[in-house]
Amino acid sequence: MQFIQAKNYTAVPAGRSVELVVIHTMEAAEKPGTALAVARWFSGPTAPKASAHYCIDNVDVVQSVREKDVAWAAPGANRNAVHLEHAGFAGQSTQNWADAYSLAMLQKSAGLCADICHRHGIPVVRLTPADLLAKKRGICGHIDVTKAFKKSTHVDPGKNFPWDAYLELVRAALADLQRDDDEAPTKPIV
């Protein structure tokens, strides 16, 4: 995986507690190279006062902020979240989310999301704005953060994002990771 450091983020030398995965859309075209282009934009001289941990398209995942650091992605849920930016638009239709490009991207994203959940002990559950206010752990969209904390106007990943199918992909990938853990040889105590 390529790493291109975003210009705007908050370094956390001692690390932080990660309790959420927040799903975003880049508001950029679904085409190969979009993840790299957005990661470069986050790092460049015209970078917005924003960033994300990962940028994902149908071919690549590009990391822009280390998970130990805070990305500037969804005010109210920056300090305790890992943020996943997806090629595409919040206004996409159900059919747009079901095309070959989106399916490949969501599969790639689900593997990454499962790995994050596995490493940080995050349950694979969709959180509501009320859940966020109650400080529950899980997965949500930027729209949920907007509704909970009222610090932005973003509505991504959009009303047609295939949440049920996506969470099933994440659960399947997480089951594979857990199976690999179970099958790993036991190390002797020395």
N, C-alpha and C. Protein backbone atom coordinates (compact mmCIF):
# COMPACT_ATOMS: atom_id res chain seq x y z
N MET A 1 0.85 -1.18 0.00
CA MET A 1 0.00 0.00 0.00
C MET A 1 0.89 1.24 0.00
N GLN A 2 0.55 2.17 -0.85
CA GLN A 2 1.31 3.42 -0.94
C GLN A 2 0.89 4.37 0.19
N PHE A 3 1.86 5.15 0.69
CA PHE A 3 1.58 6.16 1.72
C PHE A 3 1.99 7.51 1.19
N ILE A 4 1.05 8.46 1.20
CA ILE A 4 1.32 9.85 0.82
C ILE A 4 0.76 10.71 1.95
N GLN A 5 1.64 11.29 2.75
CA GLN A 5 1.23 12.04 3.94
C GLN A 5 0.38 13.25 3.58
N ALA A 6 -0.80 13.33 4.16
CA ALA A 6 -1.66 14.50 3.99
C ALA A 6 -1.01 15.71 4.66
N LYS A 7 -1.29 16.87 4.11
CA LYS A 7 -0.75 18.11 4.66
C LYS A 7 -1.42 18.47 5.99
N ASN A 8 -2.72 18.24 6.09
CA ASN A 8 -3.49 18.67 7.25
C ASN A 8 -3.97 17.47 8.06
N TYR A 9 -3.44 17.33 9.25
CA TYR A 9 -3.80 16.28 10.18
C TYR A 9 -3.23 16.67 11.54
N THR A 10 -3.56 15.92 12.57
CA THR A 10 -3.00 16.19 13.89
C THR A 10 -2.16 15.00 14.31
N ALA A 11 -0.88 15.22 14.51
CA ALA A 11 0.02 14.15 14.96
C ALA A 11 -0.27 13.83 16.42
N VAL A 12 -0.28 12.55 16.73
CA VAL A 12 -0.50 12.09 18.10
C VAL A 12 0.65 11.14 18.43
N PRO A 13 1.74 11.67 19.00
CA PRO A 13 2.94 10.86 19.24
C PRO A 13 2.69 9.58 20.02
N ALA A 14 1.81 9.62 21.01
CA ALA A 14 1.57 8.45 21.85
C ALA A 14 0.46 7.55 21.29
N GLY A 15 -0.12 7.91 20.16
CA GLY A 15 -1.23 7.13 19.61
C GLY A 15 -2.54 7.54 20.26
N ARG A 16 -3.62 6.85 19.89
CA ARG A 16 -4.95 7.21 20.36
C ARG A 16 -5.85 6.00 20.36
N SER A 17 -6.98 6.11 20.98
CA SER A 17 -7.98 5.04 20.99
C SER A 17 -8.85 5.18 19.75
N VAL A 18 -8.94 4.11 18.96
CA VAL A 18 -9.78 4.11 17.77
C VAL A 18 -11.05 3.32 18.08
N GLU A 19 -12.18 3.98 17.96
CA GLU A 19 -13.47 3.37 18.31
C GLU A 19 -14.46 3.32 17.16
N LEU A 20 -14.15 4.04 16.06
CA LEU A 20 -15.07 4.15 14.94
C LEU A 20 -14.34 3.98 13.61
N VAL A 21 -15.08 3.50 12.62
CA VAL A 21 -14.67 3.62 11.22
C VAL A 21 -15.75 4.46 10.56
N VAL A 22 -15.34 5.55 9.91
CA VAL A 22 -16.29 6.45 9.25
C VAL A 22 -16.11 6.32 7.74
N ILE A 23 -17.23 6.07 7.06
CA ILE A 23 -17.27 5.88 5.62
C ILE A 23 -17.60 7.20 4.94
N HIS A 24 -16.81 7.53 3.91
CA HIS A 24 -16.98 8.77 3.15
C HIS A 24 -17.00 8.47 1.65
N THR A 25 -17.49 9.42 0.88
CA THR A 25 -17.26 9.43 -0.57
C THR A 25 -16.42 10.65 -0.88
N MET A 26 -15.54 10.50 -1.87
CA MET A 26 -14.59 11.55 -2.24
C MET A 26 -15.24 12.69 -3.01
N GLU A 27 -16.42 12.44 -3.54
CA GLU A 27 -17.05 13.38 -4.46
C GLU A 27 -16.13 13.58 -5.66
N ALA A 28 -15.64 12.44 -6.14
CA ALA A 28 -14.73 12.38 -7.29
C ALA A 28 -15.10 11.15 -8.12
N ALA A 29 -14.81 11.22 -9.39
CA ALA A 29 -15.23 10.19 -10.34
C ALA A 29 -14.74 8.80 -9.98
N GLU A 30 -15.60 7.84 -10.26
CA GLU A 30 -15.23 6.44 -10.13
C GLU A 30 -14.40 6.05 -11.35
N LYS A 31 -13.09 6.06 -11.17
CA LYS A 31 -12.19 5.63 -12.23
C LYS A 31 -10.87 5.22 -11.59
N PRO A 32 -10.11 4.36 -12.26
CA PRO A 32 -8.81 3.99 -11.71
C PRO A 32 -7.95 5.25 -11.53
N GLY A 33 -7.21 5.30 -10.45
CA GLY A 33 -6.35 6.44 -10.19
C GLY A 33 -6.96 7.50 -9.30
N THR A 34 -8.25 7.37 -8.99
CA THR A 34 -8.90 8.39 -8.16
C THR A 34 -8.32 8.40 -6.74
N ALA A 35 -8.06 7.23 -6.17
CA ALA A 35 -7.50 7.18 -4.81
C ALA A 35 -6.16 7.90 -4.77
N LEU A 36 -5.31 7.63 -5.73
CA LEU A 36 -4.00 8.28 -5.78
C LEU A 36 -4.14 9.79 -6.00
N ALA A 37 -5.04 10.19 -6.88
CA ALA A 37 -5.23 11.63 -7.15
C ALA A 37 -5.73 12.37 -5.91
N VAL A 38 -6.65 11.78 -5.18
CA VAL A 38 -7.17 12.45 -3.98
C VAL A 38 -6.11 12.47 -2.88
N ALA A 39 -5.35 11.39 -2.73
CA ALA A 39 -4.27 11.38 -1.74
C ALA A 39 -3.23 12.45 -2.07
N ARG A 40 -2.92 12.60 -3.34
CA ARG A 40 -1.97 13.66 -3.74
C ARG A 40 -2.55 15.05 -3.47
N TRP A 41 -3.85 15.20 -3.70
CA TRP A 41 -4.52 16.48 -3.43
C TRP A 41 -4.44 16.80 -1.94
N PHE A 42 -4.70 15.79 -1.07
CA PHE A 42 -4.59 15.99 0.38
C PHE A 42 -3.18 16.43 0.78
N SER A 43 -2.17 16.05 0.01
CA SER A 43 -0.78 16.35 0.38
C SER A 43 -0.21 17.59 -0.30
N GLY A 44 -0.91 18.11 -1.28
CA GLY A 44 -0.35 19.15 -2.12
C GLY A 44 -0.52 20.57 -1.60
N PRO A 45 0.00 21.53 -2.37
CA PRO A 45 -0.03 22.93 -1.97
C PRO A 45 -1.45 23.52 -1.91
N THR A 46 -2.39 22.92 -2.62
CA THR A 46 -3.78 23.40 -2.59
C THR A 46 -4.66 22.50 -1.74
N ALA A 47 -4.04 21.74 -0.84
CA ALA A 47 -4.78 20.80 0.00
C ALA A 47 -5.87 21.52 0.78
N PRO A 48 -7.03 20.86 0.89
CA PRO A 48 -8.09 21.44 1.71
C PRO A 48 -7.74 21.28 3.19
N LYS A 49 -8.45 21.96 4.05
CA LYS A 49 -8.28 21.77 5.50
C LYS A 49 -9.01 20.47 5.88
N ALA A 50 -8.60 19.40 5.22
CA ALA A 50 -9.24 18.09 5.41
C ALA A 50 -8.24 17.00 5.05
N SER A 51 -8.53 15.79 5.51
CA SER A 51 -7.73 14.62 5.16
C SER A 51 -8.51 13.38 5.55
N ALA A 52 -7.98 12.24 5.19
CA ALA A 52 -8.57 10.95 5.58
C ALA A 52 -7.41 9.98 5.79
N HIS A 53 -7.68 8.91 6.51
CA HIS A 53 -6.64 7.92 6.71
C HIS A 53 -6.35 7.14 5.42
N TYR A 54 -7.43 6.77 4.70
CA TYR A 54 -7.28 5.96 3.50
C TYR A 54 -8.16 6.49 2.37
N CYS A 55 -7.63 6.42 1.15
CA CYS A 55 -8.37 6.74 -0.08
C CYS A 55 -8.46 5.44 -0.88
N ILE A 56 -9.66 5.10 -1.34
CA ILE A 56 -9.91 3.79 -1.95
C ILE A 56 -10.61 3.97 -3.28
N ASP A 57 -10.12 3.26 -4.32
CA ASP A 57 -10.86 3.14 -5.56
C ASP A 57 -10.93 1.66 -5.91
N ASN A 58 -11.25 1.31 -7.15
CA ASN A 58 -11.43 -0.11 -7.48
C ASN A 58 -10.11 -0.86 -7.62
N VAL A 59 -8.99 -0.16 -7.67
CA VAL A 59 -7.68 -0.79 -7.84
C VAL A 59 -6.77 -0.57 -6.63
N ASP A 60 -6.79 0.63 -6.08
CA ASP A 60 -5.80 1.01 -5.07
C ASP A 60 -6.40 1.45 -3.75
N VAL A 61 -5.59 1.26 -2.71
CA VAL A 61 -5.81 1.87 -1.41
C VAL A 61 -4.55 2.68 -1.14
N VAL A 62 -4.72 3.97 -0.90
CA VAL A 62 -3.58 4.85 -0.60
C VAL A 62 -3.81 5.42 0.80
N GLN A 63 -2.84 5.24 1.67
CA GLN A 63 -2.94 5.78 3.02
C GLN A 63 -2.42 7.21 3.02
N SER A 64 -3.18 8.12 3.68
CA SER A 64 -2.81 9.53 3.72
C SER A 64 -2.48 10.02 5.13
N VAL A 65 -2.97 9.32 6.14
CA VAL A 65 -2.69 9.67 7.53
C VAL A 65 -2.49 8.35 8.27
N ARG A 66 -1.48 8.29 9.10
CA ARG A 66 -1.27 7.08 9.90
C ARG A 66 -2.42 6.92 10.90
N GLU A 67 -2.79 5.69 11.18
CA GLU A 67 -3.92 5.46 12.08
C GLU A 67 -3.68 6.00 13.48
N LYS A 68 -2.45 6.12 13.91
CA LYS A 68 -2.16 6.67 15.25
C LYS A 68 -2.43 8.17 15.31
N ASP A 69 -2.53 8.81 14.14
CA ASP A 69 -2.76 10.26 14.05
C ASP A 69 -4.22 10.55 13.70
N VAL A 70 -4.62 11.80 13.89
CA VAL A 70 -6.00 12.23 13.66
C VAL A 70 -6.13 12.85 12.27
N ALA A 71 -7.00 12.28 11.46
CA ALA A 71 -7.34 12.87 10.16
C ALA A 71 -8.43 13.92 10.37
N TRP A 72 -8.42 14.93 9.52
CA TRP A 72 -9.43 15.99 9.60
C TRP A 72 -10.54 15.66 8.60
N ALA A 73 -11.44 14.78 8.99
CA ALA A 73 -12.39 14.23 8.03
C ALA A 73 -13.86 14.45 8.39
N ALA A 74 -14.20 14.36 9.65
CA ALA A 74 -15.61 14.49 10.06
C ALA A 74 -15.63 15.08 11.47
N PRO A 75 -15.72 16.40 11.58
CA PRO A 75 -15.69 17.04 12.90
C PRO A 75 -16.69 16.41 13.87
N GLY A 76 -16.21 16.12 15.05
CA GLY A 76 -17.01 15.44 16.05
C GLY A 76 -16.58 13.99 16.21
N ALA A 77 -16.01 13.42 15.13
CA ALA A 77 -15.56 12.03 15.17
C ALA A 77 -14.17 11.90 14.55
N ASN A 78 -13.36 12.90 14.72
CA ASN A 78 -11.99 12.81 14.20
C ASN A 78 -11.06 12.13 15.19
N ARG A 79 -11.12 12.51 16.46
CA ARG A 79 -10.16 12.03 17.44
C ARG A 79 -10.23 10.53 17.70
N ASN A 80 -11.38 9.88 17.45
CA ASN A 80 -11.50 8.47 17.78
C ASN A 80 -11.88 7.59 16.58
N ALA A 81 -11.64 8.08 15.36
CA ALA A 81 -12.06 7.33 14.18
C ALA A 81 -10.95 7.16 13.17
N VAL A 82 -11.10 6.10 12.36
CA VAL A 82 -10.32 5.93 11.14
C VAL A 82 -11.30 6.22 10.01
N HIS A 83 -10.84 7.03 9.05
CA HIS A 83 -11.72 7.51 7.97
C HIS A 83 -11.34 6.89 6.64
N LEU A 84 -12.35 6.32 5.96
CA LEU A 84 -12.17 5.67 4.66
C LEU A 84 -12.89 6.48 3.59
N GLU A 85 -12.13 7.06 2.66
CA GLU A 85 -12.68 7.83 1.53
C GLU A 85 -12.81 6.92 0.32
N HIS A 86 -13.99 6.90 -0.29
CA HIS A 86 -14.26 6.06 -1.45
C HIS A 86 -14.49 6.91 -2.69
N ALA A 87 -13.97 6.47 -3.82
CA ALA A 87 -14.26 7.14 -5.09
C ALA A 87 -15.77 7.09 -5.31
N GLY A 88 -16.30 8.15 -5.86
CA GLY A 88 -17.73 8.21 -6.10
C GLY A 88 -18.36 9.41 -5.42
N PHE A 89 -19.68 9.43 -5.45
CA PHE A 89 -20.45 10.58 -5.00
C PHE A 89 -21.56 10.17 -4.04
N ALA A 90 -21.88 11.06 -3.10
CA ALA A 90 -22.98 10.80 -2.17
C ALA A 90 -24.31 10.66 -2.91
N GLY A 91 -24.44 11.28 -4.07
CA GLY A 91 -25.68 11.24 -4.83
C GLY A 91 -25.84 10.02 -5.73
N GLN A 92 -24.95 9.07 -5.61
CA GLN A 92 -25.06 7.88 -6.48
C GLN A 92 -26.35 7.12 -6.22
N SER A 93 -26.86 6.51 -7.29
CA SER A 93 -28.07 5.70 -7.19
C SER A 93 -27.70 4.29 -6.70
N THR A 94 -28.72 3.54 -6.37
CA THR A 94 -28.52 2.14 -5.99
C THR A 94 -27.80 1.40 -7.12
N GLN A 95 -28.18 1.67 -8.37
CA GLN A 95 -27.55 1.03 -9.52
C GLN A 95 -26.08 1.42 -9.64
N ASN A 96 -25.76 2.69 -9.37
CA ASN A 96 -24.36 3.11 -9.43
C ASN A 96 -23.51 2.37 -8.42
N TRP A 97 -24.05 2.11 -7.24
CA TRP A 97 -23.31 1.39 -6.21
C TRP A 97 -23.19 -0.10 -6.54
N ALA A 98 -23.97 -0.58 -7.50
CA ALA A 98 -23.97 -2.00 -7.85
C ALA A 98 -23.18 -2.31 -9.12
N ASP A 99 -22.53 -1.30 -9.72
CA ASP A 99 -21.76 -1.58 -10.94
C ASP A 99 -20.44 -2.27 -10.58
N ALA A 100 -19.75 -2.77 -11.60
CA ALA A 100 -18.52 -3.54 -11.38
C ALA A 100 -17.46 -2.73 -10.64
N TYR A 101 -17.33 -1.46 -10.99
CA TYR A 101 -16.34 -0.60 -10.32
C TYR A 101 -16.62 -0.53 -8.83
N SER A 102 -17.85 -0.16 -8.47
CA SER A 102 -18.20 -0.01 -7.06
C SER A 102 -18.07 -1.31 -6.30
N LEU A 103 -18.50 -2.41 -6.91
CA LEU A 103 -18.41 -3.70 -6.22
C LEU A 103 -16.95 -4.06 -5.91
N ALA A 104 -16.06 -3.82 -6.87
CA ALA A 104 -14.63 -4.08 -6.63
C ALA A 104 -14.08 -3.16 -5.54
N MET A 105 -14.47 -1.90 -5.58
CA MET A 105 -14.01 -0.94 -4.57
C MET A 105 -14.53 -1.31 -3.19
N LEU A 106 -15.79 -1.67 -3.09
CA LEU A 106 -16.37 -2.01 -1.80
C LEU A 106 -15.75 -3.29 -1.24
N GLN A 107 -15.42 -4.22 -2.09
CA GLN A 107 -14.74 -5.45 -1.64
C GLN A 107 -13.37 -5.10 -1.06
N LYS A 108 -12.64 -4.25 -1.75
CA LYS A 108 -11.32 -3.80 -1.28
C LYS A 108 -11.47 -3.04 0.05
N SER A 109 -12.44 -2.16 0.12
CA SER A 109 -12.71 -1.39 1.33
C SER A 109 -13.09 -2.29 2.50
N ALA A 110 -13.93 -3.28 2.24
CA ALA A 110 -14.40 -4.17 3.31
C ALA A 110 -13.23 -4.94 3.93
N GLY A 111 -12.28 -5.36 3.11
CA GLY A 111 -11.10 -6.03 3.66
C GLY A 111 -10.31 -5.11 4.58
N LEU A 112 -10.14 -3.87 4.16
CA LEU A 112 -9.44 -2.88 4.98
C LEU A 112 -10.23 -2.59 6.26
N CYS A 113 -11.52 -2.37 6.13
CA CYS A 113 -12.37 -2.08 7.28
C CYS A 113 -12.33 -3.24 8.28
N ALA A 114 -12.38 -4.47 7.79
CA ALA A 114 -12.31 -5.64 8.67
C ALA A 114 -10.99 -5.67 9.42
N ASP A 115 -9.90 -5.36 8.72
CA ASP A 115 -8.59 -5.34 9.36
C ASP A 115 -8.54 -4.27 10.47
N ILE A 116 -9.09 -3.11 10.19
CA ILE A 116 -9.12 -2.04 11.19
C ILE A 116 -9.95 -2.48 12.40
N CYS A 117 -11.13 -3.03 12.13
CA CYS A 117 -12.00 -3.51 13.22
C CYS A 117 -11.30 -4.60 14.03
N HIS A 118 -10.62 -5.49 13.36
CA HIS A 118 -9.91 -6.59 14.02
C HIS A 118 -8.81 -6.06 14.93
N ARG A 119 -8.02 -5.14 14.42
CA ARG A 119 -6.89 -4.61 15.21
C ARG A 119 -7.32 -3.73 16.37
N HIS A 120 -8.46 -3.05 16.22
CA HIS A 120 -8.89 -2.10 17.25
C HIS A 120 -10.08 -2.61 18.08
N GLY A 121 -10.52 -3.85 17.82
CA GLY A 121 -11.63 -4.40 18.59
C GLY A 121 -12.95 -3.67 18.37
N ILE A 122 -13.17 -3.22 17.15
CA ILE A 122 -14.40 -2.48 16.82
C ILE A 122 -15.45 -3.47 16.31
N PRO A 123 -16.66 -3.47 16.88
CA PRO A 123 -17.69 -4.37 16.38
C PRO A 123 -18.18 -3.94 14.99
N VAL A 124 -18.54 -4.91 14.19
CA VAL A 124 -19.04 -4.62 12.84
C VAL A 124 -20.54 -4.39 12.94
N VAL A 125 -20.88 -3.18 13.36
CA VAL A 125 -22.28 -2.76 13.48
C VAL A 125 -22.39 -1.34 12.94
N ARG A 126 -23.52 -1.05 12.33
CA ARG A 126 -23.78 0.29 11.81
C ARG A 126 -24.32 1.15 12.95
N LEU A 127 -23.69 2.26 13.16
CA LEU A 127 -24.10 3.16 14.22
C LEU A 127 -25.01 4.27 13.70
N THR A 128 -25.95 4.66 14.54
CA THR A 128 -26.84 5.79 14.26
C THR A 128 -26.26 7.05 14.92
N PRO A 129 -26.79 8.21 14.60
CA PRO A 129 -26.35 9.41 15.31
C PRO A 129 -26.52 9.28 16.83
N ALA A 130 -27.62 8.67 17.28
CA ALA A 130 -27.83 8.48 18.72
C ALA A 130 -26.74 7.58 19.31
N ASP A 131 -26.34 6.55 18.56
CA ASP A 131 -25.26 5.66 19.03
C ASP A 131 -23.95 6.44 19.17
N LEU A 132 -23.68 7.33 18.23
CA LEU A 132 -22.46 8.14 18.31
C LEU A 132 -22.48 9.03 19.56
N LEU A 133 -23.62 9.64 19.82
CA LEU A 133 -23.73 10.48 21.01
C LEU A 133 -23.60 9.66 22.30
N ALA A 134 -24.00 8.39 22.24
CA ALA A 134 -23.88 7.49 23.39
C ALA A 134 -22.48 6.86 23.48
N LYS A 135 -21.60 7.28 22.56
CA LYS A 135 -20.20 6.82 22.55
C LYS A 135 -20.04 5.33 22.30
N LYS A 136 -20.93 4.76 21.46
CA LYS A 136 -20.82 3.36 21.08
C LYS A 136 -19.73 3.21 20.03
N ARG A 137 -19.23 2.00 19.88
CA ARG A 137 -18.18 1.68 18.93
C ARG A 137 -18.79 0.98 17.72
N GLY A 138 -18.27 1.27 16.51
CA GLY A 138 -18.77 0.62 15.32
C GLY A 138 -18.43 1.40 14.06
N ILE A 139 -19.28 1.27 13.06
CA ILE A 139 -19.06 1.84 11.73
C ILE A 139 -20.22 2.78 11.40
N CYS A 140 -19.91 3.93 10.82
CA CYS A 140 -20.95 4.89 10.46
C CYS A 140 -20.54 5.64 9.21
N GLY A 141 -21.45 6.45 8.71
CA GLY A 141 -21.16 7.33 7.59
C GLY A 141 -20.91 8.74 8.09
N HIS A 142 -20.31 9.56 7.22
CA HIS A 142 -20.11 10.97 7.59
C HIS A 142 -21.46 11.62 7.92
N ILE A 143 -22.51 11.23 7.20
CA ILE A 143 -23.85 11.78 7.46
C ILE A 143 -24.26 11.56 8.91
N ASP A 144 -23.92 10.42 9.49
CA ASP A 144 -24.28 10.12 10.87
C ASP A 144 -23.53 11.04 11.84
N VAL A 145 -22.26 11.31 11.51
CA VAL A 145 -21.46 12.23 12.32
C VAL A 145 -22.05 13.64 12.22
N THR A 146 -22.42 14.04 11.01
CA THR A 146 -23.04 15.35 10.80
C THR A 146 -24.30 15.50 11.65
N LYS A 147 -25.16 14.48 11.60
CA LYS A 147 -26.42 14.55 12.35
C LYS A 147 -26.19 14.53 13.86
N ALA A 148 -25.19 13.78 14.31
CA ALA A 148 -24.94 13.67 15.75
C ALA A 148 -24.32 14.94 16.32
N PHE A 149 -23.29 15.46 15.66
CA PHE A 149 -22.51 16.54 16.27
C PHE A 149 -22.76 17.92 15.65
N LYS A 150 -23.43 17.94 14.49
CA LYS A 150 -23.82 19.21 13.85
C LYS A 150 -22.65 20.16 13.63
N LYS A 151 -21.49 19.58 13.21
CA LYS A 151 -20.30 20.39 12.97
C LYS A 151 -19.92 20.44 11.49
N SER A 152 -20.72 19.81 10.63
CA SER A 152 -20.49 19.86 9.19
C SER A 152 -21.82 19.68 8.49
N THR A 153 -21.79 19.78 7.16
CA THR A 153 -23.01 19.62 6.37
C THR A 153 -22.92 18.42 5.43
N HIS A 154 -21.90 17.59 5.59
CA HIS A 154 -21.69 16.47 4.67
C HIS A 154 -22.74 15.38 4.85
N VAL A 155 -23.16 14.81 3.73
CA VAL A 155 -24.19 13.76 3.75
C VAL A 155 -23.68 12.44 3.15
N ASP A 156 -22.37 12.34 2.95
CA ASP A 156 -21.82 11.12 2.37
C ASP A 156 -21.81 9.98 3.40
N PRO A 157 -21.88 8.77 2.97
CA PRO A 157 -21.74 8.28 1.60
C PRO A 157 -23.03 8.28 0.79
N GLY A 158 -24.09 8.88 1.32
CA GLY A 158 -25.33 9.01 0.55
C GLY A 158 -26.39 8.01 0.97
N LYS A 159 -27.62 8.36 0.64
CA LYS A 159 -28.76 7.53 1.08
C LYS A 159 -28.81 6.18 0.38
N ASN A 160 -28.14 6.03 -0.75
CA ASN A 160 -28.18 4.76 -1.48
C ASN A 160 -26.96 3.87 -1.23
N PHE A 161 -26.07 4.29 -0.33
CA PHE A 161 -24.91 3.45 -0.04
C PHE A 161 -25.42 2.09 0.45
N PRO A 162 -24.85 0.99 -0.08
CA PRO A 162 -25.36 -0.35 0.24
C PRO A 162 -24.86 -0.86 1.59
N TRP A 163 -25.36 -0.27 2.66
CA TRP A 163 -24.87 -0.59 4.00
C TRP A 163 -24.94 -2.07 4.34
N ASP A 164 -26.10 -2.70 4.10
CA ASP A 164 -26.24 -4.11 4.49
C ASP A 164 -25.23 -4.99 3.76
N ALA A 165 -25.11 -4.80 2.45
CA ALA A 165 -24.16 -5.60 1.66
C ALA A 165 -22.73 -5.31 2.10
N TYR A 166 -22.41 -4.05 2.35
CA TYR A 166 -21.06 -3.68 2.76
C TYR A 166 -20.70 -4.32 4.11
N LEU A 167 -21.59 -4.23 5.07
CA LEU A 167 -21.30 -4.81 6.38
C LEU A 167 -21.17 -6.33 6.30
N GLU A 168 -21.91 -6.97 5.40
CA GLU A 168 -21.74 -8.42 5.20
C GLU A 168 -20.35 -8.73 4.65
N LEU A 169 -19.87 -7.90 3.71
CA LEU A 169 -18.51 -8.08 3.20
C LEU A 169 -17.48 -7.90 4.31
N VAL A 170 -17.68 -6.90 5.16
CA VAL A 170 -16.76 -6.66 6.28
C VAL A 170 -16.78 -7.85 7.23
N ARG A 171 -17.98 -8.36 7.55
CA ARG A 171 -18.08 -9.51 8.46
C ARG A 171 -17.38 -10.74 7.88
N ALA A 172 -17.54 -10.97 6.58
CA ALA A 172 -16.89 -12.12 5.94
C ALA A 172 -15.37 -11.98 6.00
N ALA A 173 -14.88 -10.79 5.72
CA ALA A 173 -13.43 -10.56 5.77
C ALA A 173 -12.91 -10.68 7.20
N LEU A 174 -13.68 -10.22 8.17
CA LEU A 174 -13.30 -10.33 9.58
C LEU A 174 -13.27 -11.80 10.01
N ALA A 175 -14.23 -12.58 9.56
CA ALA A 175 -14.25 -14.02 9.88
C ALA A 175 -12.99 -14.70 9.34
N ASP A 176 -12.56 -14.31 8.15
CA ASP A 176 -11.32 -14.87 7.58
C ASP A 176 -10.12 -14.50 8.45
N LEU A 177 -10.05 -13.26 8.91
CA LEU A 177 -8.94 -12.83 9.77
C LEU A 177 -8.95 -13.60 11.09
N GLN A 178 -10.13 -13.78 11.66
CA GLN A 178 -10.22 -14.50 12.93
C GLN A 178 -9.87 -15.98 12.74
N ARG A 179 -10.25 -16.55 11.61
CA ARG A 179 -9.92 -17.95 11.31
C ARG A 179 -8.40 -18.09 11.19
N ASP A 180 -7.76 -17.11 10.53
CA ASP A 180 -6.30 -17.13 10.42
C ASP A 180 -5.65 -17.06 11.79
N ASP A 181 -6.22 -16.24 12.70
CA ASP A 181 -5.70 -16.15 14.06
C ASP A 181 -5.81 -17.50 14.77
N ASP A 182 -6.97 -18.17 14.60
CA ASP A 182 -7.20 -19.45 15.27
C ASP A 182 -6.28 -20.55 14.75
N GLU A 183 -5.90 -20.44 13.47
CA GLU A 183 -5.07 -21.47 12.86
C GLU A 183 -3.59 -21.22 13.02
N ALA A 184 -3.22 -20.05 13.55
CA ALA A 184 -1.82 -19.75 13.75
C ALA A 184 -1.25 -20.67 14.83
N PRO A 185 -0.03 -21.14 14.63
CA PRO A 185 0.57 -22.03 15.63
C PRO A 185 0.76 -21.31 16.96
N THR A 186 0.57 -22.03 18.02
CA THR A 186 0.77 -21.47 19.35
C THR A 186 2.26 -21.31 19.59
N LYS A 187 2.63 -20.14 20.06
CA LYS A 187 4.04 -19.88 20.35
C LYS A 187 4.35 -20.37 21.75
N PRO A 188 5.50 -21.03 21.93
CA PRO A 188 5.87 -21.50 23.27
C PRO A 188 6.20 -20.32 24.17
N ILE A 189 5.97 -20.49 25.45
CA ILE A 189 6.34 -19.48 26.43
C ILE A 189 7.79 -19.70 26.79
N VAL A 190 8.60 -18.67 26.61
CA VAL A 190 10.04 -18.81 26.88
C VAL A 190 10.48 -17.91 28.00
